[in-house]
Protein backbone atom coordinates (compact mmCIF):
# COMPACT_ATOMS: atom_id res chain seq x y z
CA MET A 1 -103.78 135.53 -4.65
CA ASN A 2 -101.35 134.54 -2.46
CA ALA A 3 -101.21 132.62 0.85
CA ASN A 4 -100.58 135.90 2.75
CA THR A 5 -103.42 137.72 1.04
CA ILE A 6 -106.93 136.46 2.00
CA PRO A 7 -109.23 139.62 0.98
CA GLU A 8 -111.93 138.10 3.64
CA LEU A 9 -110.02 137.61 6.36
CA PRO A 10 -106.65 140.26 6.09
CA ASN A 11 -106.18 139.76 9.56
CA LEU A 12 -106.11 135.78 9.70
CA ARG A 13 -102.72 134.28 10.33
CA VAL A 14 -102.49 130.64 9.24
CA PHE A 15 -99.21 128.43 9.71
CA THR A 16 -98.82 124.87 8.60
CA THR A 17 -96.81 123.24 11.53
CA MET A 18 -95.08 119.76 11.51
CA PRO A 19 -95.12 118.61 15.16
CA GLY A 20 -92.13 116.02 15.10
CA ILE A 21 -92.36 112.64 16.64
CA VAL A 22 -93.47 111.87 20.08
CA MET A 23 -93.68 108.81 21.91
CA THR A 24 -97.00 108.65 22.99
CA ALA A 25 -99.63 105.54 23.61
CA MET A 26 -100.62 105.99 19.97
CA GLN A 27 -97.71 105.79 18.56
CA GLN A 28 -96.90 103.00 15.97
CA GLU A 29 -94.31 100.59 16.88
CA VAL A 30 -92.52 101.58 13.34
CA PHE A 31 -91.83 104.88 14.42
CA PHE A 32 -90.15 104.15 17.98
CA PRO A 33 -87.01 104.44 17.01
CA PHE A 34 -87.56 108.46 15.73
CA ALA A 35 -89.96 109.45 18.51
CA LYS A 36 -87.29 111.82 19.87
CA ASP A 37 -89.39 114.92 20.11
CA HIS A 38 -91.08 116.18 23.20
CA ALA A 39 -94.52 117.06 22.97
CA ASP A 40 -94.18 120.46 24.65
CA LEU A 41 -92.06 121.53 21.17
CA THR A 42 -95.69 121.73 19.54
CA GLY A 43 -96.97 124.08 22.68
CA MET A 44 -93.77 126.19 22.57
CA LEU A 45 -93.57 126.80 18.45
CA ALA A 46 -97.55 127.91 19.24
CA LEU A 47 -96.57 130.35 21.39
CA TYR A 48 -93.84 131.92 19.39
CA LEU A 49 -96.19 132.17 16.15
CA VAL A 50 -98.74 134.20 17.87
CA GLN A 51 -96.34 136.55 18.50
CA PRO A 52 -96.18 139.54 16.51
CA ARG A 53 -92.19 138.70 15.60
CA ALA A 54 -93.58 135.43 13.83
CA GLU A 55 -95.76 137.82 11.14
CA PHE A 56 -92.69 137.04 8.76
CA LEU A 57 -93.77 133.48 8.65
CA LYS A 58 -97.65 133.94 8.03
CA GLY A 59 -98.72 131.39 5.30
CA SER A 60 -95.45 129.20 5.84
CA MET A 61 -94.86 125.66 6.99
CA VAL A 62 -92.49 125.38 10.51
CA SER A 63 -91.21 122.93 11.94
CA VAL A 64 -91.11 122.03 16.01
CA ASN A 65 -87.62 121.15 15.52
CA TRP A 66 -86.07 124.45 14.03
CA ASP A 67 -84.60 127.03 16.01
CA VAL A 68 -86.94 130.17 15.93
CA GLU A 69 -83.66 132.18 16.49
CA GLU A 70 -81.49 131.13 13.54
CA VAL A 71 -85.29 131.37 11.24
CA GLU A 72 -85.35 134.71 12.38
CA GLU A 73 -81.82 135.32 11.48
CA HIS A 74 -82.92 134.35 7.78
CA LYS A 75 -86.19 136.20 7.88
CA GLU A 76 -85.19 138.48 4.87
CA GLU A 77 -84.51 135.70 2.82
CA ILE A 78 -87.06 133.72 3.95
CA VAL A 79 -89.62 136.74 2.33
CA GLN A 80 -87.76 137.77 -0.39
CA LYS A 81 -87.58 133.99 -1.54
CA LYS A 82 -91.08 132.48 0.21
CA ALA A 83 -88.88 129.80 1.10
CA LEU A 84 -91.43 128.57 3.52
CA MET A 85 -94.73 129.32 1.72
CA MET A 86 -97.28 126.34 1.00
CA SER A 87 -98.98 126.69 -2.47
CA TRP A 88 -101.50 124.34 -4.14
CA MET A 89 -100.32 122.85 -7.13
CA PRO A 90 -103.23 121.71 -9.26
CA ILE A 91 -102.14 118.40 -11.04
CA LEU A 92 -105.20 116.85 -11.52
CA PRO A 93 -107.31 117.47 -14.61
CA PHE A 94 -110.64 118.02 -12.55
CA CYS A 95 -108.24 120.64 -10.23
CA GLY A 96 -107.69 122.56 -13.21
CA GLY A 97 -104.25 121.00 -13.97
CA LYS A 98 -103.18 119.16 -16.99
CA GLY A 99 -102.07 116.07 -15.18
CA LEU A 100 -98.66 114.83 -13.97
CA GLY A 101 -98.07 113.82 -17.55
CA ALA A 102 -98.58 116.97 -19.02
């Protein structure tokens, strides 16, 4: 099974989003120099992702800082190489993996 195929919920579209760094009252001082993003970017990305044209990104990691028109220009490559797909890597022995030393 891959991130695009969940038999129980075939119409479910899941995305991992990187929201950027926004200057808010909750922001830690160490991040102040990097807090250059605007909170609206997250909302705009969410609006893009609910559109059918973003279907090819289902199961992917996307950032609010990306130019979605440029991402769409690379759609075929992204789909073919599964370039933005997130996957589980079981590295710990209790998760079925062999550990980092294997």
